[in-house]
C-alpha atoms as a PDB file:
ATOM      1  CA  MET A   1       5.441   9.258 -48.978  1.00  0.00           C
ATOM      2  CA  PHE A   2       5.843   8.712 -45.247  1.00  0.00           C
ATOM      3  CA  ASP A   3       7.839  11.941 -44.820  1.00  0.00           C
ATOM      4  CA  TRP A   4       5.136  13.825 -46.649  1.00  0.00           C
ATOM      5  CA  PHE A   5       2.342  12.303 -44.560  1.00  0.00           C
ATOM      6  CA  VAL A   6       3.876  13.101 -41.167  1.00  0.00           C
ATOM      7  CA  SER A   7       4.679  16.667 -42.218  1.00  0.00           C
ATOM      8  CA  ASP A   8       1.324  17.445 -43.856  1.00  0.00           C
ATOM      9  CA  ILE A   9      -1.142  19.523 -41.829  1.00  0.00           C
ATOM     10  CA  PRO A  10      -4.755  18.330 -42.236  1.00  0.00           C
ATOM     11  CA  SER A  11      -6.726  20.704 -44.398  1.00  0.00           C
ATOM     12  CA  THR A  12      -9.759  20.734 -46.654  1.00  0.00           C
ATOM     13  CA  ASP A  13      -8.059  23.026 -49.160  1.00  0.00           C
ATOM     14  CA  ALA A  14      -7.542  21.770 -52.667  1.00  0.00           C
ATOM     15  CA  GLY A  15      -4.313  19.863 -53.038  1.00  0.00           C
ATOM     16  CA  SER A  16      -4.136  19.103 -49.315  1.00  0.00           C
ATOM     17  CA  CYS A  17      -4.957  15.959 -47.419  1.00  0.00           C
ATOM     18  CA  SER A  18      -7.681  16.045 -44.783  1.00  0.00           C
ATOM     19  CA  ASP A  19      -5.985  13.121 -43.022  1.00  0.00           C
ATOM     20  CA  GLY A  20      -2.485  14.632 -42.826  1.00  0.00           C
ATOM     21  CA  GLY A  21      -0.476  13.254 -39.932  1.00  0.00           C
ATOM     22  CA  ALA A  22       1.491  16.312 -38.830  1.00  0.00           C
ATOM     23  CA  VAL A  23      -0.729  16.935 -35.804  1.00  0.00           C
ATOM     24  CA  SER A  24      -0.754  13.394 -34.446  1.00  0.00           C
ATOM     25  CA  TYR A  25       2.431  11.856 -35.810  1.00  0.00           C
ATOM     26  CA  ALA A  26       4.936  14.629 -36.578  1.00  0.00           C
ATOM     27  CA  ASN A  27       7.192  13.384 -33.767  1.00  0.00           C
ATOM     28  CA  ALA A  28       5.938   9.821 -33.728  1.00  0.00           C
ATOM     29  CA  ALA A  29       8.877   8.189 -35.495  1.00  0.00           C
ATOM     30  CA  VAL A  30      12.640   8.331 -35.478  1.00  0.00           C
ATOM     31  CA  MET A  31      13.793   7.513 -38.985  1.00  0.00           C
ATOM     32  CA  TYR A  32      16.831   5.867 -40.516  1.00  0.00           C
ATOM     33  CA  LYS A  33      18.061   8.132 -43.276  1.00  0.00           C
ATOM     34  CA  GLN A  34      20.355   7.546 -46.204  1.00  0.00           C
ATOM     35  CA  LEU A  35      21.327  10.358 -48.574  1.00  0.00           C
ATOM     36  CA  GLY A  36      18.792  12.580 -46.869  1.00  0.00           C
ATOM     37  CA  LYS A  37      15.888  10.168 -47.419  1.00  0.00           C
ATOM     38  CA  SER A  38      14.079   8.127 -44.825  1.00  0.00           C
ATOM     39  CA  VAL A  39      14.587   4.407 -45.365  1.00  0.00           C
ATOM     40  CA  GLY A  40      13.301   2.918 -42.106  1.00  0.00           C
ATOM     41  CA  VAL A  41      11.903   3.494 -38.628  1.00  0.00           C
ATOM     42  CA  SER A  42      14.189   2.973 -35.623  1.00  0.00           C
ATOM     43  CA  ALA A  43      11.660   3.949 -32.958  1.00  0.00           C
ATOM     44  CA  GLY A  44       8.173   5.373 -32.814  1.00  0.00           C
ATOM     45  CA  PHE A  45       4.747   5.377 -31.264  1.00  0.00           C
ATOM     46  CA  PHE A  46       1.131   5.250 -32.319  1.00  0.00           C
ATOM     47  CA  THR A  47      -2.067   6.045 -30.466  1.00  0.00           C
ATOM     48  CA  SER A  48      -4.806   3.662 -29.465  1.00  0.00           C
ATOM     49  CA  ASN A  49      -7.802   3.797 -27.151  1.00  0.00           C
ATOM     50  CA  HIS A  50      -9.112   1.789 -24.231  1.00  0.00           C
ATOM     51  CA  ALA A  51     -12.801   1.165 -23.823  1.00  0.00           C
ATOM     52  CA  PRO A  52     -14.410   3.771 -21.521  1.00  0.00           C
ATOM     53  CA  VAL A  53     -13.422   2.971 -17.930  1.00  0.00           C
ATOM     54  CA  SER A  54     -14.156   4.687 -14.627  1.00  0.00           C
ATOM     55  CA  SER A  55     -13.422   2.414 -11.662  1.00  0.00           C
ATOM     56  CA  SER A  56      -9.985   1.500 -10.349  1.00  0.00           C
ATOM     57  CA  GLU A  57     -10.625  -2.161 -11.128  1.00  0.00           C
ATOM     58  CA  ASP A  58     -11.319  -1.318 -14.786  1.00  0.00           C
ATOM     59  CA  LEU A  59      -8.226   0.870 -15.009  1.00  0.00           C
ATOM     60  CA  ILE A  60      -6.053  -1.887 -13.552  1.00  0.00           C
ATOM     61  CA  GLN A  61      -7.518  -4.436 -15.945  1.00  0.00           C
ATOM     62  CA  SER A  62      -7.123  -2.164 -18.972  1.00  0.00           C
ATOM     63  CA  ARG A  63      -3.423  -1.724 -18.201  1.00  0.00           C
ATOM     64  CA  LEU A  64      -2.949  -5.472 -17.795  1.00  0.00           C
ATOM     65  CA  SER A  65      -4.746  -6.075 -21.097  1.00  0.00           C
ATOM     66  CA  ALA A  66      -2.441  -3.618 -22.858  1.00  0.00           C
ATOM     67  CA  LEU A  67       0.621  -5.318 -21.366  1.00  0.00           C
ATOM     68  CA  LYS A  68      -0.638  -8.720 -22.467  1.00  0.00           C
ATOM     69  CA  LEU A  69      -1.289  -7.469 -25.995  1.00  0.00           C
ATOM     70  CA  CYS A  70       2.230  -6.049 -26.256  1.00  0.00           C
ATOM     71  CA  GLU A  71       3.720  -9.306 -24.975  1.00  0.00           C
ATOM     72  CA  GLU A  72       1.887 -11.180 -27.730  1.00  0.00           C
ATOM     73  CA  VAL A  73       3.116  -8.730 -30.369  1.00  0.00           C
ATOM     74  CA  ASN A  74       6.709  -8.993 -29.120  1.00  0.00           C
ATOM     75  CA  ALA A  75       6.522 -12.782 -29.075  1.00  0.00           C
ATOM     76  CA  ALA A  76       5.311 -12.868 -32.675  1.00  0.00           C
ATOM     77  CA  ASN A  77       7.829 -10.236 -33.853  1.00  0.00           C
ATOM     78  CA  PRO A  78      11.217 -10.803 -32.181  1.00  0.00           C
ATOM     79  CA  ASP A  79      12.834  -7.945 -34.138  1.00  0.00           C
ATOM     80  CA  ILE A  80      10.749  -5.239 -32.462  1.00  0.00           C
ATOM     81  CA  VAL A  81       9.901  -4.238 -28.924  1.00  0.00           C
ATOM     82  CA  VAL A  82       6.452  -2.806 -28.234  1.00  0.00           C
ATOM     83  CA  ALA A  83       5.551  -1.288 -24.847  1.00  0.00           C
ATOM     84  CA  PRO A  84       2.270   0.346 -23.808  1.00  0.00           C
ATOM     85  CA  TYR A  85       1.979   3.718 -22.088  1.00  0.00           C
ATOM     86  CA  SER A  86      -0.868   5.867 -20.826  1.00  0.00           C
ATOM     87  CA  SER A  87      -1.056   8.772 -18.429  1.00  0.00           C
ATOM     88  CA  PHE A  88      -2.674   6.655 -15.708  1.00  0.00           C
ATOM     89  CA  TYR A  89      -0.419   3.590 -15.958  1.00  0.00           C
ATOM     90  CA  HIS A  90       2.174   4.766 -13.450  1.00  0.00           C
ATOM     91  CA  PHE A  91      -0.530   5.220 -10.803  1.00  0.00           C
ATOM     92  CA  TYR A  92      -1.561   1.568 -11.105  1.00  0.00           C
ATOM     93  CA  GLU A  93       1.840  -0.079 -11.438  1.00  0.00           C
ATOM     94  CA  GLN A  94       1.874  -0.349  -7.650  1.00  0.00           C
ATOM     95  CA  TYR A  95      -0.803  -3.041  -7.810  1.00  0.00           C
ATOM     96  CA  ASP A  96       1.589  -5.387  -9.624  1.00  0.00           C
ATOM     97  CA  THR A  97       3.586  -5.900  -6.425  1.00  0.00           C
ATOM     98  CA  ILE A  98       1.477  -4.354  -3.653  1.00  0.00           C
ATOM     99  CA  VAL A  99       0.572  -7.677  -2.015  1.00  0.00           C
ATOM    100  CA  ASP A 100       4.176  -8.903  -1.980  1.00  0.00           C
ATOM    101  CA  GLU A 101       5.398  -5.524  -0.736  1.00  0.00           C
ATOM    102  CA  CYS A 102       2.803  -5.525   2.029  1.00  0.00           C
ATOM    103  CA  ALA A 103       3.755  -9.022   3.180  1.00  0.00           C
ATOM    104  CA  LEU A 104       7.485  -8.274   3.030  1.00  0.00           C
ATOM    105  CA  ASN A 105       7.383  -4.917   4.802  1.00  0.00           C
ATOM    106  CA  ALA A 106       4.929  -6.039   7.478  1.00  0.00           C
ATOM    107  CA  THR A 107       7.072  -9.110   8.162  1.00  0.00           C
ATOM    108  CA  LEU A 108      10.268  -7.064   8.385  1.00  0.00           C
ATOM    109  CA  ALA A 109       8.639  -4.502  10.676  1.00  0.00           C
ATOM    110  CA  THR A 110       7.353  -7.247  12.954  1.00  0.00           C
ATOM    111  CA  ILE A 111      10.739  -8.978  13.102  1.00  0.00           C
ATOM    112  CA  VAL A 112      12.513  -5.711  13.928  1.00  0.00           C
ATOM    113  CA  THR A 113       9.900  -5.063  16.610  1.00  0.00           C
ATOM    114  CA  PHE A 114      10.621  -8.452  18.151  1.00  0.00           C
ATOM    115  CA  LEU A 115      14.389  -7.865  18.152  1.00  0.00           C
ATOM    116  CA  VAL A 116      14.110  -4.407  19.711  1.00  0.00           C
ATOM    117  CA  ALA A 117      11.686  -5.695  22.355  1.00  0.00           C
ATOM    118  CA  LEU A 118      14.027  -8.595  23.077  1.00  0.00           C
ATOM    119  CA  VAL A 119      16.929  -6.232  23.755  1.00  0.00           C
ATOM    120  CA  LEU A 120      14.957  -3.680  25.783  1.00  0.00           C
ATOM    121  CA  LEU A 121      13.322  -6.368  27.934  1.00  0.00           C
ATOM    122  CA  GLY A 122      16.667  -7.766  28.975  1.00  0.00           C
ATOM    123  CA  PHE A 123      16.663 -10.624  26.467  1.00  0.00           C
ATOM    124  CA  ASP A 124      13.506 -12.085  27.985  1.00  0.00           C
ATOM    125  CA  ILE A 125      12.489 -14.096  24.935  1.00  0.00           C
ATOM    126  CA  TYR A 126       9.108 -15.095  26.329  1.00  0.00           C
ATOM    127  CA  ALA A 127       8.125 -11.491  26.963  1.00  0.00           C
ATOM    128  CA  ALA A 128       9.339 -10.498  23.494  1.00  0.00           C
ATOM    129  CA  LEU A 129       7.314 -13.349  21.973  1.00  0.00           C
ATOM    130  CA  CYS A 130       4.195 -12.109  23.765  1.00  0.00           C
ATOM    131  CA  ILE A 131       4.695  -8.682  22.203  1.00  0.00           C
ATOM    132  CA  LEU A 132       5.353 -10.302  18.827  1.00  0.00           C
ATOM    133  CA  LEU A 133       2.132 -12.316  19.070  1.00  0.00           C
ATOM    134  CA  THR A 134       0.054  -9.276  20.011  1.00  0.00           C
ATOM    135  CA  VAL A 135       1.550  -7.125  17.256  1.00  0.00           C
ATOM    136  CA  THR A 136       1.003  -9.858  14.676  1.00  0.00           C
ATOM    137  CA  MET A 137      -2.627 -10.317  15.736  1.00  0.00           C
ATOM    138  CA  CYS A 138      -3.260  -6.557  15.568  1.00  0.00           C
ATOM    139  CA  THR A 139      -1.757  -6.377  12.074  1.00  0.00           C
ATOM    140  CA  VAL A 140      -3.705  -9.381  10.792  1.00  0.00           C
ATOM    141  CA  ASP A 141      -6.947  -8.076  12.294  1.00  0.00           C
ATOM    142  CA  MET A 142      -6.307  -4.695  10.706  1.00  0.00           C
ATOM    143  CA  LEU A 143      -5.869  -6.309   7.295  1.00  0.00           C
ATOM    144  CA  GLY A 144      -9.098  -8.241   7.769  1.00  0.00           C
ATOM    145  CA  SER A 145     -10.955  -5.119   8.896  1.00  0.00           C
ATOM    146  CA  MET A 146      -9.996  -3.347   5.676  1.00  0.00           C
ATOM    147  CA  VAL A 147     -12.239  -5.730   3.729  1.00  0.00           C
ATOM    148  CA  TYR A 148     -15.321  -4.821   5.771  1.00  0.00           C
ATOM    149  CA  LEU A 149     -14.466  -1.131   5.858  1.00  0.00           C
ATOM    150  CA  GLY A 150     -14.061  -0.950   2.080  1.00  0.00           C
ATOM    151  CA  ILE A 151     -10.429   0.175   2.266  1.00  0.00           C
ATOM    152  CA  PRO A 152      -8.337  -0.959  -0.726  1.00  0.00           C
ATOM    153  CA  LEU A 153      -4.755  -2.101  -0.358  1.00  0.00           C
ATOM    154  CA  ASN A 154      -2.557   0.523  -1.983  1.00  0.00           C
ATOM    155  CA  ALA A 155       0.492   2.626  -1.170  1.00  0.00           C
ATOM    156  CA  VAL A 156      -1.382   4.821   1.337  1.00  0.00           C
ATOM    157  CA  SER A 157      -3.038   1.978   3.246  1.00  0.00           C
ATOM    158  CA  LEU A 158       0.225   0.018   3.204  1.00  0.00           C
ATOM    159  CA  VAL A 159       1.968   2.867   5.019  1.00  0.00           C
ATOM    160  CA  ASN A 160      -0.853   2.939   7.571  1.00  0.00           C
ATOM    161  CA  ILE A 161      -0.561  -0.810   8.111  1.00  0.00           C
ATOM    162  CA  LEU A 162       3.143  -0.447   8.824  1.00  0.00           C
ATOM    163  CA  MET A 163       2.350   2.405  11.203  1.00  0.00           C
ATOM    164  CA  SER A 164      -0.137   0.133  12.975  1.00  0.00           C
ATOM    165  CA  VAL A 165       2.779  -2.160  13.847  1.00  0.00           C
ATOM    166  CA  GLY A 166       4.445   0.676  15.761  1.00  0.00           C
ATOM    167  CA  ILE A 167       1.171   1.757  17.373  1.00  0.00           C
ATOM    168  CA  SER A 168       0.406  -1.786  18.571  1.00  0.00           C
ATOM    169  CA  VAL A 169       3.898  -2.033  20.105  1.00  0.00           C
ATOM    170  CA  GLU A 170       3.180   1.124  22.065  1.00  0.00           C
ATOM    171  CA  PHE A 171       0.070  -0.514  23.506  1.00  0.00           C
ATOM    172  CA  ALA A 172       1.457  -3.987  24.187  1.00  0.00           C
ATOM    173  CA  SER A 173       4.956  -3.279  25.450  1.00  0.00           C
ATOM    174  CA  HIS A 174       3.824  -1.460  28.615  1.00  0.00           C
ATOM    175  CA  ILE A 175       1.589  -4.320  29.767  1.00  0.00           C
ATOM    176  CA  VAL A 176       4.271  -6.939  29.115  1.00  0.00           C
ATOM    177  CA  GLN A 177       6.967  -4.882  30.816  1.00  0.00           C
ATOM    178  CA  ALA A 178       4.784  -4.389  33.896  1.00  0.00           C
ATOM    179  CA  PHE A 179       4.106  -8.127  33.948  1.00  0.00           C
ATOM    180  CA  THR A 180       7.806  -8.998  33.831  1.00  0.00           C
ATOM    181  CA  ILE A 181       8.807  -6.693  36.734  1.00  0.00           C
ATOM    182  CA  SER A 182       5.893  -7.668  38.970  1.00  0.00           C
ATOM    183  CA  THR A 183       6.918  -9.348  42.247  1.00  0.00           C
ATOM    184  CA  LYS A 184       3.683 -11.316  42.604  1.00  0.00           C
ATOM    185  CA  GLU A 185       4.064 -15.084  42.751  1.00  0.00           C
ATOM    186  CA  SER A 186       1.416 -16.410  40.366  1.00  0.00           C
ATOM    187  CA  ARG A 187       0.941 -15.504  36.719  1.00  0.00           C
ATOM    188  CA  LEU A 188      -2.645 -14.496  37.418  1.00  0.00           C
ATOM    189  CA  ASP A 189      -1.629 -12.035  40.147  1.00  0.00           C
ATOM    190  CA  ARG A 190       1.118 -10.562  37.986  1.00  0.00           C
ATOM    191  CA  ALA A 191      -1.276 -10.142  35.062  1.00  0.00           C
ATOM    192  CA  ARG A 192      -3.836  -8.518  37.361  1.00  0.00           C
ATOM    193  CA  GLU A 193      -1.251  -6.122  38.763  1.00  0.00           C
ATOM    194  CA  ALA A 194       0.032  -5.238  35.278  1.00  0.00           C
ATOM    195  CA  LEU A 195      -3.499  -4.531  34.093  1.00  0.00           C
ATOM    196  CA  CYS A 196      -4.388  -2.484  37.182  1.00  0.00           C
ATOM    197  CA  ARG A 197      -1.196  -0.437  36.999  1.00  0.00           C
ATOM    198  CA  ILE A 198      -0.782   0.041  33.247  1.00  0.00           C
ATOM    199  CA  GLY A 199      -4.318  -0.531  31.902  1.00  0.00           C
ATOM    200  CA  PRO A 200      -5.569   2.962  32.844  1.00  0.00           C
ATOM    201  CA  VAL A 201      -2.377   4.487  31.471  1.00  0.00           C
ATOM    202  CA  VAL A 202      -2.871   2.690  28.163  1.00  0.00           C
ATOM    203  CA  ILE A 203      -6.521   3.685  27.908  1.00  0.00           C
ATOM    204  CA  MET A 204      -6.311   7.274  29.141  1.00  0.00           C
ATOM    205  CA  GLY A 205      -2.817   8.081  27.915  1.00  0.00           C
ATOM    206  CA  ILE A 206      -2.348   6.296  24.603  1.00  0.00           C
ATOM    207  CA  PHE A 207      -5.833   5.295  23.447  1.00  0.00           C
ATOM    208  CA  MET A 208      -7.679   8.508  24.289  1.00  0.00           C
ATOM    209  CA  THR A 209      -4.863  10.702  22.971  1.00  0.00           C
ATOM    210  CA  ASN A 210      -4.814   8.895  19.644  1.00  0.00           C
ATOM    211  CA  LEU A 211      -8.602   8.727  19.498  1.00  0.00           C
ATOM    212  CA  VAL A 212      -9.115  12.464  19.950  1.00  0.00           C
ATOM    213  CA  GLY A 213      -6.663  13.159  17.158  1.00  0.00           C
ATOM    214  CA  VAL A 214      -8.428  10.708  14.847  1.00  0.00           C
ATOM    215  CA  VAL A 215     -12.091  11.504  15.536  1.00  0.00           C
ATOM    216  CA  VAL A 216     -11.795  15.036  14.145  1.00  0.00           C
ATOM    217  CA  LEU A 217     -10.980  13.512  10.752  1.00  0.00           C
ATOM    218  CA  ALA A 218     -14.548  12.170  10.577  1.00  0.00           C
ATOM    219  CA  ALA A 219     -15.659  15.698   9.655  1.00  0.00           C
ATOM    220  CA  ALA A 220     -13.225  15.935   6.745  1.00  0.00           C
ATOM    221  CA  LYS A 221     -14.739  16.650   3.352  1.00  0.00           C
ATOM    222  CA  SER A 222     -12.069  14.697   1.505  1.00  0.00           C
ATOM    223  CA  GLU A 223     -12.832  11.025   0.916  1.00  0.00           C
ATOM    224  CA  LEU A 224      -9.095  10.355   1.131  1.00  0.00           C
ATOM    225  CA  PHE A 225      -8.943  11.504   4.764  1.00  0.00           C
ATOM    226  CA  ILE A 226     -12.133   9.689   5.749  1.00  0.00           C
ATOM    227  CA  VAL A 227     -11.228   6.339   4.182  1.00  0.00           C
ATOM    228  CA  PHE A 228      -7.481   6.086   4.628  1.00  0.00           C
ATOM    229  CA  TYR A 229      -7.007   8.055   7.843  1.00  0.00           C
ATOM    230  CA  PHE A 230     -10.185   8.252   9.914  1.00  0.00           C
ATOM    231  CA  ARG A 231     -11.407   4.691   9.257  1.00  0.00           C
ATOM    232  CA  MET A 232      -7.984   3.087   9.394  1.00  0.00           C
ATOM    233  CA  PHE A 233      -6.579   4.872  12.447  1.00  0.00           C
ATOM    234  CA  PHE A 234      -9.853   4.622  14.351  1.00  0.00           C
ATOM    235  CA  THR A 235      -9.883   0.868  13.688  1.00  0.00           C
ATOM    236  CA  ILE A 236      -6.198   0.558  14.582  1.00  0.00           C
ATOM    237  CA  ASN A 237      -6.825   2.148  17.972  1.00  0.00           C
ATOM    238  CA  ILE A 238      -9.861  -0.040  18.714  1.00  0.00           C
ATOM    239  CA  VAL A 239      -8.064  -3.228  17.645  1.00  0.00           C
ATOM    240  CA  CYS A 240      -4.925  -2.388  19.622  1.00  0.00           C
ATOM    241  CA  VAL A 241      -6.686  -1.462  22.848  1.00  0.00           C
ATOM    242  CA  LEU A 242      -8.845  -4.618  22.746  1.00  0.00           C
ATOM    243  CA  HIS A 243      -5.843  -6.857  22.200  1.00  0.00           C
ATOM    244  CA  THR A 244      -3.822  -5.079  24.874  1.00  0.00           C
ATOM    245  CA  VAL A 245      -6.411  -4.688  27.626  1.00  0.00           C
ATOM    246  CA  VAL A 246      -8.540  -7.780  26.971  1.00  0.00           C
ATOM    247  CA  PHE A 247      -6.472 -10.449  25.214  1.00  0.00           C
ATOM    248  CA  LEU A 248      -2.923  -9.821  26.439  1.00  0.00           C
ATOM    249  CA  PRO A 249      -3.568  -9.932  30.215  1.00  0.00           C
ATOM    250  CA  CYS A 250      -5.582 -13.138  29.803  1.00  0.00           C
ATOM    251  CA  PHE A 251      -2.837 -14.669  27.687  1.00  0.00           C
ATOM    252  CA  LEU A 252      -0.186 -13.691  30.248  1.00  0.00           C
ATOM    253  CA  ALA A 253      -2.293 -15.054  33.105  1.00  0.00           C
ATOM    254  CA  PHE A 254      -2.431 -18.490  31.478  1.00  0.00           C
ATOM    255  CA  LEU A 255       0.838 -18.728  29.539  1.00  0.00           C
ATOM    256  CA  GLY A 256       3.006 -15.816  30.653  1.00  0.00           C
END
């Protein structure tokens, strides 16, 4: 009966079945056969439907609901394994681990930044710690800004966050290096000299160069470029220059 059903083409002709399963289920099952007859199903699939969804939040939740349903079926039937699949599932699997991946990768990038700065600054641990503090603050502020800018955490924004670590190093390292080589006696004078010497370079060389390249993206017609590139990189530049030109010299003047 099953073999006949999955091979029958739906038809309204006399002697045919209008609900024949050849169209939907012709390849839906791999059968055990004995003496040329099907005696059992070794693997197969069947179709089901989600409720109508449109937003990313609904799509994420619908996938999680399907996974939970399959876990319940597998728990109640140890002899079978049921797994859900839909064409959009692989796009939203990233959200299962995106927070952990973000924390791990941002931490690793920051640690590597500290180690490289430590070596290049002649193993001056205090200078390297100042860079580490500034980079960490820029990264944390960038993550907080994403909430107010309406930027979701996903694979694209995660890459931009990791790039912001490198961009913030470019801003902070010059100020700290100028502070460490200054011959002034007091911390305040050294911080003032570092800011006077390197501050204009940071603003005109790094900040303005990055800003010009980012501002043109504001005219993009694609929402992807506006949200994940213009908003993020514009904010990264503003956050980095404020921490480097305003916070870092003050911090060095008091605790450098």
